[in-house]
């Protein structure tokens, strides 16, 4: 009488882990195995989310690892592994795990537009002023040389930005994943942008000169500056252009946006002077200038003693002489507060807008919210919250 041999199925592998975009050359699988049988091979199953497990490859390695070098950088996979014993057959499947390969994109020395995908990317801009789109996934983005911009589908208010000790940034958004950014100078969101180089940009000039440029924004546009615009004027001043010439360019721009600023090429000297008192000194209604003062400045312009842009510079300088004055001390305090808020918006926060019109209208709203005694409402309107750490 012969005994019946019972075939005992080998136990399944356990603790399967597939890498999540850790490698550019494939997805690394690793697992554990507690059985005592001699394993002939490991059968690898690879399939898409929502599909049944599909046999993919047999590995005859004695190690508990497998590198899937055929994984597409545009796909996400589910993996499972079974153990096959020569005598006892195939085990059931291990646990499932999701894995994907990192998509790596390299730019050139030119100005590149580089697109990632919805899984983890490694993007290298190298030289040039690059436009970098990580899209979804947790990406590593290195802009390299030049002035580089990373683009996000999310709004700034929904994003978290944290500067790291090494100067890189971690940006987390609901639509674009959590990215590590190195040597990227600007972060463009759906509504606003942050330029992180503005503190270094402002350091090109004495702080008093930077503040004078911000005062021109207040005087001509009744608004706080945007980072890109202020950087432009800082560079011009750093290259040697004097404030008087810059003021003239501001005047020309103010006329160009007449519907927003109130300045026009055809307005009378009297109307211009009254508007300067309003924009520069916030003197309207009961504090509007008397007719004698308006007549005085009209004569100065008419005789050529000063120009329209020269009058604005004179008004700005004169305003500061009334500090602590019992009647007019609020005027320089208001101007100083607007400059302080403008500096925070453009330099400290590096705030940029999606269009020149947005820069003017939103900057005007911020400036109008400033009072001689309070800046908190205006600061809140800047839109850079406690989740932004630059």
Protein backbone atom coordinates (compact mmCIF):
# COMPACT_ATOMS: atom_id res chain seq x y z
CA UNK A 1 0.00 0.00 0.00
CA UNK A 2 1.51 3.31 -1.09
CA UNK A 3 1.22 6.68 0.65
CA UNK A 4 -0.39 9.61 -1.17
CA UNK A 5 1.93 12.62 -1.56
CA UNK A 6 0.22 15.89 -0.61
CA UNK A 7 1.35 18.94 -2.58
CA UNK A 8 1.56 21.96 -0.31
CA UNK A 9 1.34 25.22 -2.20
CA UNK A 10 4.22 27.59 -1.34
CA UNK A 11 3.32 30.70 0.65
CA UNK A 12 3.04 33.98 -1.26
CA UNK A 13 5.74 36.63 -1.13
CA UNK A 14 5.00 39.43 1.33
CA UNK A 15 5.88 43.09 1.87
CA UNK A 16 6.06 43.89 -1.84
CA UNK A 17 7.24 47.45 -2.43
CA UNK A 18 7.42 49.18 -5.84
CA UNK A 19 9.30 52.45 -6.12
CA UNK A 20 7.32 55.64 -6.71
CA UNK A 21 9.35 57.57 -9.21
CA UNK A 22 12.65 57.06 -7.40
CA UNK A 23 14.49 55.97 -10.56
CA UNK A 24 14.65 57.14 -14.16
CA UNK A 25 15.63 53.72 -15.56
CA UNK A 26 12.78 51.61 -14.19
CA UNK A 27 10.60 50.58 -11.26
CA UNK A 28 12.44 48.66 -8.53
CA UNK A 29 10.49 45.86 -6.82
CA UNK A 30 11.49 44.23 -3.56
CA UNK A 31 9.70 41.70 -1.38
CA UNK A 32 10.09 39.21 1.45
CA UNK A 33 9.63 35.43 1.44
CA UNK A 34 9.12 33.19 4.48
CA UNK A 35 8.81 29.78 2.78
CA UNK A 36 11.41 27.02 3.09
CA UNK A 37 10.97 25.67 -0.45
CA UNK A 38 13.53 26.10 -3.14
CA UNK A 39 12.04 28.68 -5.48
CA UNK A 40 12.59 28.11 -9.19
CA UNK A 41 11.38 31.53 -10.27
CA UNK A 42 9.43 34.62 -9.30
CA UNK A 43 6.52 35.52 -11.54
CA UNK A 44 5.97 39.26 -11.85
CA UNK A 45 2.49 40.60 -12.55
CA UNK A 46 2.06 44.10 -13.94
CA UNK A 47 -1.27 45.73 -14.75
CA UNK A 48 -3.15 49.00 -14.78
CA UNK A 49 -5.27 50.30 -11.96
CA UNK A 50 -8.73 48.71 -12.04
CA UNK A 51 -7.62 45.73 -14.13
CA UNK A 52 -7.09 42.08 -13.20
CA UNK A 53 -3.54 40.92 -12.47
CA UNK A 54 -1.70 40.08 -15.70
CA UNK A 55 1.45 37.99 -15.94
CA UNK A 56 4.35 40.12 -17.12
CA UNK A 57 7.74 38.47 -16.55
CA UNK A 58 9.52 35.57 -14.85
CA UNK A 59 12.64 36.27 -12.83
CA UNK A 60 15.03 33.42 -12.05
CA UNK A 61 17.09 35.54 -9.67
CA UNK A 62 17.85 34.22 -6.20
CA UNK A 63 17.35 37.73 -4.76
CA UNK A 64 14.02 39.14 -3.71
CA UNK A 65 14.23 42.05 -6.12
CA UNK A 66 13.39 42.89 -9.72
CA UNK A 67 13.98 46.03 -11.81
CA UNK A 68 11.28 46.68 -14.40
CA UNK A 69 13.24 48.55 -17.06
CA UNK A 70 10.37 48.44 -19.58
CA UNK A 71 8.08 50.66 -17.47
CA UNK A 72 6.87 53.70 -19.41
CA UNK A 73 7.59 57.12 -17.83
CA UNK A 74 4.03 58.14 -18.68
CA UNK A 75 2.27 55.25 -16.89
CA UNK A 76 1.45 54.14 -13.36
CA UNK A 77 1.35 50.39 -12.68
CA UNK A 78 0.15 47.90 -10.11
CA UNK A 79 2.56 45.08 -9.31
CA UNK A 80 2.22 41.71 -7.60
CA UNK A 81 4.61 38.73 -7.31
CA UNK A 82 4.13 34.99 -6.93
CA UNK A 83 6.66 32.28 -5.97
CA UNK A 84 7.00 29.17 -8.18
CA UNK A 85 8.42 25.98 -6.68
CA UNK A 86 9.45 23.11 -8.99
CA UNK A 87 7.71 20.55 -6.78
CA UNK A 88 4.85 22.57 -5.28
CA UNK A 89 3.80 24.89 -8.07
CA UNK A 90 2.87 28.55 -7.88
CA UNK A 91 1.82 30.46 -4.80
CA UNK A 92 -0.98 32.95 -4.64
CA UNK A 93 -0.11 36.56 -5.34
CA UNK A 94 1.61 38.87 -2.93
CA UNK A 95 0.14 42.16 -1.86
CA UNK A 96 -0.24 44.78 -4.59
CA UNK A 97 1.76 47.98 -4.76
CA UNK A 98 1.74 50.94 -7.11
CA UNK A 99 4.95 51.94 -8.87
CA UNK A 100 6.18 54.23 -11.63
CA UNK A 101 9.38 55.38 -13.24
CA UNK A 102 10.55 58.97 -13.06
CA UNK A 103 10.20 60.95 -16.25
CA UNK A 104 13.44 62.87 -16.79
CA UNK A 105 13.57 65.84 -19.16
CA UNK A 106 16.67 67.85 -19.96
CA UNK A 107 16.71 71.30 -21.50
CA UNK A 108 19.32 73.03 -23.64
CA UNK A 109 21.35 76.23 -23.56
CA UNK A 110 18.44 78.01 -25.26
CA UNK A 111 15.18 79.27 -23.73
CA UNK A 112 13.23 76.04 -23.33
CA UNK A 113 9.62 75.13 -22.63
CA UNK A 114 9.76 71.82 -20.75
CA UNK A 115 6.65 69.77 -19.98
CA UNK A 116 6.44 67.04 -17.36
CA UNK A 117 3.55 64.63 -16.91
CA UNK A 118 1.16 63.59 -14.17
CA UNK A 119 3.66 61.38 -12.33
CA UNK A 120 7.05 62.14 -10.79
CA UNK A 121 9.41 64.01 -13.11
CA UNK A 122 13.00 65.13 -12.97
CA UNK A 123 13.31 68.31 -15.02
CA UNK A 124 16.60 70.06 -15.75
CA UNK A 125 16.44 73.41 -17.51
CA UNK A 126 20.19 74.04 -17.73
CA UNK A 127 21.01 77.39 -19.38
CA UNK A 128 18.51 79.85 -20.78
CA UNK A 129 15.37 81.46 -19.41
CA UNK A 130 13.19 78.37 -19.21
CA UNK A 131 9.47 77.74 -18.72
CA UNK A 132 9.08 74.61 -16.59
CA UNK A 133 5.82 72.67 -16.23
CA UNK A 134 6.01 69.81 -13.75
CA UNK A 135 2.28 69.12 -14.09
CA UNK A 136 1.08 66.46 -11.63
CA UNK A 137 3.26 64.22 -9.48
CA UNK A 138 5.98 65.01 -6.99
CA UNK A 139 8.63 66.54 -9.22
CA UNK A 140 12.25 67.60 -8.92
CA UNK A 141 12.80 70.75 -10.97
CA UNK A 142 16.25 72.29 -11.44
CA UNK A 143 16.16 75.45 -13.52
CA UNK A 144 19.93 75.77 -13.89
CA UNK A 145 21.31 79.06 -15.18
CA UNK A 146 19.16 81.93 -16.44
CA UNK A 147 15.85 83.26 -15.14
CA UNK A 148 13.51 80.29 -14.93
CA UNK A 149 9.79 80.09 -14.20
CA UNK A 150 7.89 77.09 -12.83
CA UNK A 151 4.18 76.98 -13.69
CA UNK A 152 1.35 75.64 -11.52
CA UNK A 153 -2.34 75.02 -12.22
CA UNK A 154 -3.28 75.78 -8.61
CA UNK A 155 -3.96 79.18 -7.04
CA UNK A 156 -1.35 80.77 -4.79
CA UNK A 157 -3.82 80.83 -1.89
CA UNK A 158 -3.99 77.02 -2.06
CA UNK A 159 -0.23 76.52 -2.23
CA UNK A 160 2.43 76.02 0.41
CA UNK A 161 5.93 77.37 -0.31
CA UNK A 162 8.77 76.70 2.11
CA UNK A 163 12.36 77.78 1.54
CA UNK A 164 14.87 75.14 2.61
CA UNK A 165 18.22 75.78 4.36
CA UNK A 166 20.09 75.02 1.11
CA UNK A 167 18.11 77.66 -0.81
CA UNK A 168 15.79 75.24 -2.60
CA UNK A 169 12.00 75.40 -2.24
CA UNK A 170 9.31 72.85 -1.49
CA UNK A 171 6.01 73.75 -3.17
CA UNK A 172 2.89 71.73 -2.39
CA UNK A 173 -0.38 72.32 -4.26
CA UNK A 174 -3.64 70.38 -4.57
CA UNK A 175 -3.39 70.07 -8.37
CA UNK A 176 0.34 69.73 -8.99
CA UNK A 177 1.74 67.55 -6.22
CA UNK A 178 4.69 68.38 -3.98
CA UNK A 179 7.75 69.59 -5.87
CA UNK A 180 11.35 70.36 -4.99
CA UNK A 181 12.68 73.37 -6.90
CA UNK A 182 16.31 74.36 -7.29
CA UNK A 183 17.57 77.46 -9.12
CA UNK A 184 14.06 78.51 -10.16
CA UNK A 185 13.53 82.24 -9.87
CA UNK A 186 9.78 82.60 -10.36
CA UNK A 187 6.75 80.53 -9.35
CA UNK A 188 3.72 81.24 -11.55
CA UNK A 189 0.34 80.19 -10.20
CA UNK A 190 -3.11 80.44 -11.77
CA UNK A 191 -3.78 83.82 -10.18
CA UNK A 192 -0.49 85.33 -9.00
CA UNK A 193 3.25 84.77 -9.17
CA UNK A 194 6.14 84.93 -6.73
CA UNK A 195 9.60 86.12 -7.80
CA UNK A 196 12.05 84.92 -5.18
CA UNK A 197 15.03 86.97 -6.40
CA UNK A 198 13.62 90.36 -5.41
CA UNK A 199 15.56 90.75 -2.17
CA UNK A 200 18.81 90.33 -4.07
CA UNK A 201 17.47 92.64 -6.79
CA UNK A 202 16.64 95.40 -4.30
CA UNK A 203 20.10 95.10 -2.77
CA UNK A 204 21.54 96.62 -5.97
CA UNK A 205 20.47 100.07 -4.73
CA UNK A 206 20.42 101.92 -1.41
CA UNK A 207 17.14 101.34 0.39
CA UNK A 208 16.28 105.06 0.09
CA UNK A 209 16.48 104.83 -3.72
CA UNK A 210 14.28 101.73 -3.80
CA UNK A 211 11.75 103.56 -1.63
CA UNK A 212 11.86 106.54 -4.00
CA UNK A 213 10.98 104.23 -6.89
CA UNK A 214 8.06 102.83 -4.90
CA UNK A 215 6.91 106.41 -4.21
CA UNK A 216 6.72 106.97 -7.97
CA UNK A 217 4.31 104.05 -8.23
CA UNK A 218 2.19 105.65 -5.51
CA UNK A 219 2.32 109.07 -7.15
CA UNK A 220 1.64 108.13 -10.75
CA UNK A 221 -0.45 104.98 -10.42
CA UNK A 222 -1.79 105.25 -6.85
CA UNK A 223 -0.67 101.66 -6.38
CA UNK A 224 1.93 99.35 -4.97
CA UNK A 225 4.49 97.97 -7.44
CA UNK A 226 4.68 94.46 -8.83
CA UNK A 227 7.99 92.61 -8.55
CA UNK A 228 8.80 92.48 -12.26
CA UNK A 229 8.04 96.15 -12.79
CA UNK A 230 10.06 97.28 -9.78
CA UNK A 231 12.98 95.07 -10.83
CA UNK A 232 12.95 96.80 -14.23
CA UNK A 233 13.31 100.23 -12.65
CA UNK A 234 15.87 99.04 -10.13
CA UNK A 235 18.03 97.80 -13.01
CA UNK A 236 17.68 101.12 -14.83
CA UNK A 237 18.63 103.08 -11.72
CA UNK A 238 21.52 100.71 -10.99
CA UNK A 239 22.74 101.30 -14.56
CA UNK A 240 22.90 105.04 -13.88
CA UNK A 241 19.55 106.49 -14.96
CA UNK A 242 18.67 109.39 -12.65
CA UNK A 243 15.37 109.57 -10.77
CA UNK A 244 14.20 112.63 -12.76
CA UNK A 245 14.39 110.72 -16.04
CA UNK A 246 12.69 107.70 -14.49
CA UNK A 247 9.94 109.98 -13.21
CA UNK A 248 9.34 111.23 -16.76
CA UNK A 249 8.94 107.66 -17.97
CA UNK A 250 6.45 107.03 -15.18
CA UNK A 251 4.48 110.08 -16.30
CA UNK A 252 4.33 108.79 -19.88
CA UNK A 253 3.10 105.42 -18.60
CA UNK A 254 0.52 107.14 -16.41
CA UNK A 255 -0.86 108.90 -19.48
CA UNK A 256 -0.94 105.60 -21.37
CA UNK A 257 -3.21 104.09 -18.68
CA UNK A 258 -5.32 107.23 -18.35
CA UNK A 259 -8.53 105.35 -17.58
CA UNK A 260 -6.91 103.94 -14.44
CA UNK A 261 -4.58 106.73 -13.29
CA UNK A 262 -6.57 109.83 -14.23
CA UNK A 263 -3.57 111.44 -15.97
CA UNK A 264 -4.01 112.44 -19.61
CA UNK A 265 -1.92 114.25 -22.21
CA UNK A 266 -4.65 116.85 -22.74
CA UNK A 267 -5.53 117.69 -19.14
CA UNK A 268 -4.98 121.28 -17.99
CA UNK A 269 -2.20 122.21 -15.60
CA UNK A 270 -4.80 123.02 -12.94
CA UNK A 271 -6.45 119.60 -13.22
CA UNK A 272 -3.04 117.95 -13.20
CA UNK A 273 -1.99 119.78 -10.02
CA UNK A 274 -5.19 118.86 -8.20
CA UNK A 275 -4.75 115.23 -9.23
CA UNK A 276 -1.17 115.29 -7.90
CA UNK A 277 -2.44 116.52 -4.54
CA UNK A 278 -4.94 113.66 -4.57
CA UNK A 279 -2.59 110.89 -5.70
CA UNK A 280 0.58 111.94 -3.91
CA UNK A 281 -0.73 113.59 -0.76
CA UNK A 282 -4.23 112.12 -0.54
CA UNK A 283 -5.54 115.67 -0.15
CA UNK A 284 -9.14 115.84 -1.32
CA UNK A 285 -12.37 117.31 -0.02
CA UNK A 286 -11.72 119.29 3.15
CA UNK A 287 -7.95 118.85 2.76
CA UNK A 288 -7.82 119.79 -0.94
CA UNK A 289 -5.26 122.48 -1.82
CA UNK A 290 -6.42 126.13 -1.74
CA UNK A 291 -6.69 127.98 -5.03
CA UNK A 292 -3.57 130.03 -4.20
CA UNK A 293 -1.44 126.90 -3.98
CA UNK A 294 -2.81 125.56 -7.25
CA UNK A 295 -2.13 128.91 -8.93
CA UNK A 296 1.44 128.93 -7.61
CA UNK A 297 2.24 125.51 -9.09
CA UNK A 298 0.47 126.38 -12.31
CA UNK A 299 2.79 129.35 -12.73
CA UNK A 300 5.81 127.13 -12.01
CA UNK A 301 4.83 124.77 -14.80
CA UNK A 302 3.77 127.52 -17.23
CA UNK A 303 7.04 129.46 -16.87
CA UNK A 304 9.14 126.31 -17.17
CA UNK A 305 10.44 126.52 -13.63
CA UNK A 306 9.38 122.91 -13.28
CA UNK A 307 7.77 120.18 -15.35
CA UNK A 308 4.77 118.02 -14.54
CA UNK A 309 6.98 115.12 -13.53
CA UNK A 310 9.25 117.55 -11.68
CA UNK A 311 6.27 118.79 -9.70
CA UNK A 312 5.52 115.25 -8.53
CA UNK A 313 9.08 114.79 -7.30
CA UNK A 314 8.88 118.14 -5.49
CA UNK A 315 5.60 117.13 -3.85
CA UNK A 316 7.06 113.80 -2.70
CA UNK A 317 10.10 115.51 -1.17
CA UNK A 318 7.98 118.22 0.48
CA UNK A 319 5.62 115.66 2.02
CA UNK A 320 8.39 114.25 4.19
CA UNK A 321 9.17 117.65 5.69
CA UNK A 322 5.81 117.60 7.48
CA UNK A 323 6.66 114.66 9.73
CA UNK A 324 5.25 115.27 13.24
CA UNK A 325 3.43 118.38 12.05
CA UNK A 326 0.22 118.69 14.13
CA UNK A 327 -1.88 119.49 11.05
CA UNK A 328 -0.21 117.70 8.17
CA UNK A 329 1.83 114.99 9.92
CA UNK A 330 -0.63 112.37 8.65
CA UNK A 331 0.48 113.04 5.05
CA UNK A 332 4.08 111.71 5.33
CA UNK A 333 2.87 108.92 7.61
CA UNK A 334 0.40 107.80 4.93
CA UNK A 335 3.07 108.01 2.25
CA UNK A 336 5.53 106.05 4.40
CA UNK A 337 2.94 103.37 5.10
CA UNK A 338 2.21 102.99 1.39
CA UNK A 339 5.91 102.61 0.70
CA UNK A 340 6.23 100.02 3.48
CA UNK A 341 3.35 97.97 2.08
CA UNK A 342 4.71 98.38 -1.45
CA UNK A 343 8.11 97.11 -0.36
CA UNK A 344 6.53 94.08 1.29
CA UNK A 345 4.44 93.26 -1.76
CA UNK A 346 7.15 93.64 -4.41
CA UNK A 347 10.39 92.87 -2.55
CA UNK A 348 9.68 90.82 0.56
CA UNK A 349 6.89 88.78 -1.06
CA UNK A 350 8.05 89.16 -4.68
CA UNK A 351 4.45 89.49 -5.87
CA UNK A 352 3.63 89.52 -9.58
CA UNK A 353 0.38 89.57 -11.52
CA UNK A 354 -0.90 87.92 -14.69
CA UNK A 355 -1.36 91.14 -16.69
CA UNK A 356 -0.43 94.83 -16.55
CA UNK A 357 -4.08 95.68 -15.89
CA UNK A 358 -4.19 93.28 -12.92
CA UNK A 359 -0.96 94.80 -11.60
CA UNK A 360 -2.52 98.27 -11.69
CA UNK A 361 -6.03 97.47 -10.41
CA UNK A 362 -4.93 95.12 -7.63
CA UNK A 363 -2.01 97.35 -6.69
CA UNK A 364 -4.41 100.29 -6.46
CA UNK A 365 -6.73 98.31 -4.19
CA UNK A 366 -3.82 97.56 -1.87
CA UNK A 367 -2.65 101.18 -1.81
CA UNK A 368 -6.15 102.52 -1.18
CA UNK A 369 -6.46 100.22 1.85
CA UNK A 370 -3.49 101.90 3.57
CA UNK A 371 -4.23 104.56 6.18
CA UNK A 372 -1.91 106.86 8.15
CA UNK A 373 -2.32 104.60 11.18
CA UNK A 374 -2.87 101.10 9.80
CA UNK A 375 -1.47 98.76 7.13
CA UNK A 376 -3.03 95.46 8.20
CA UNK A 377 -5.96 95.56 5.74
CA UNK A 378 -3.62 96.39 2.86
CA UNK A 379 -1.18 93.62 3.82
CA UNK A 380 -4.03 91.11 3.84
CA UNK A 381 -4.94 92.19 0.29
CA UNK A 382 -1.44 91.32 -0.94
CA UNK A 383 -2.57 87.71 -0.85
CA UNK A 384 0.63 86.07 0.40
CA UNK A 385 -0.53 84.12 3.44
CA UNK A 386 1.07 82.32 6.34
CA UNK A 387 1.57 79.25 4.14
CA UNK A 388 4.26 81.08 2.15
CA UNK A 389 7.76 81.11 3.67
CA UNK A 390 10.31 82.74 1.38
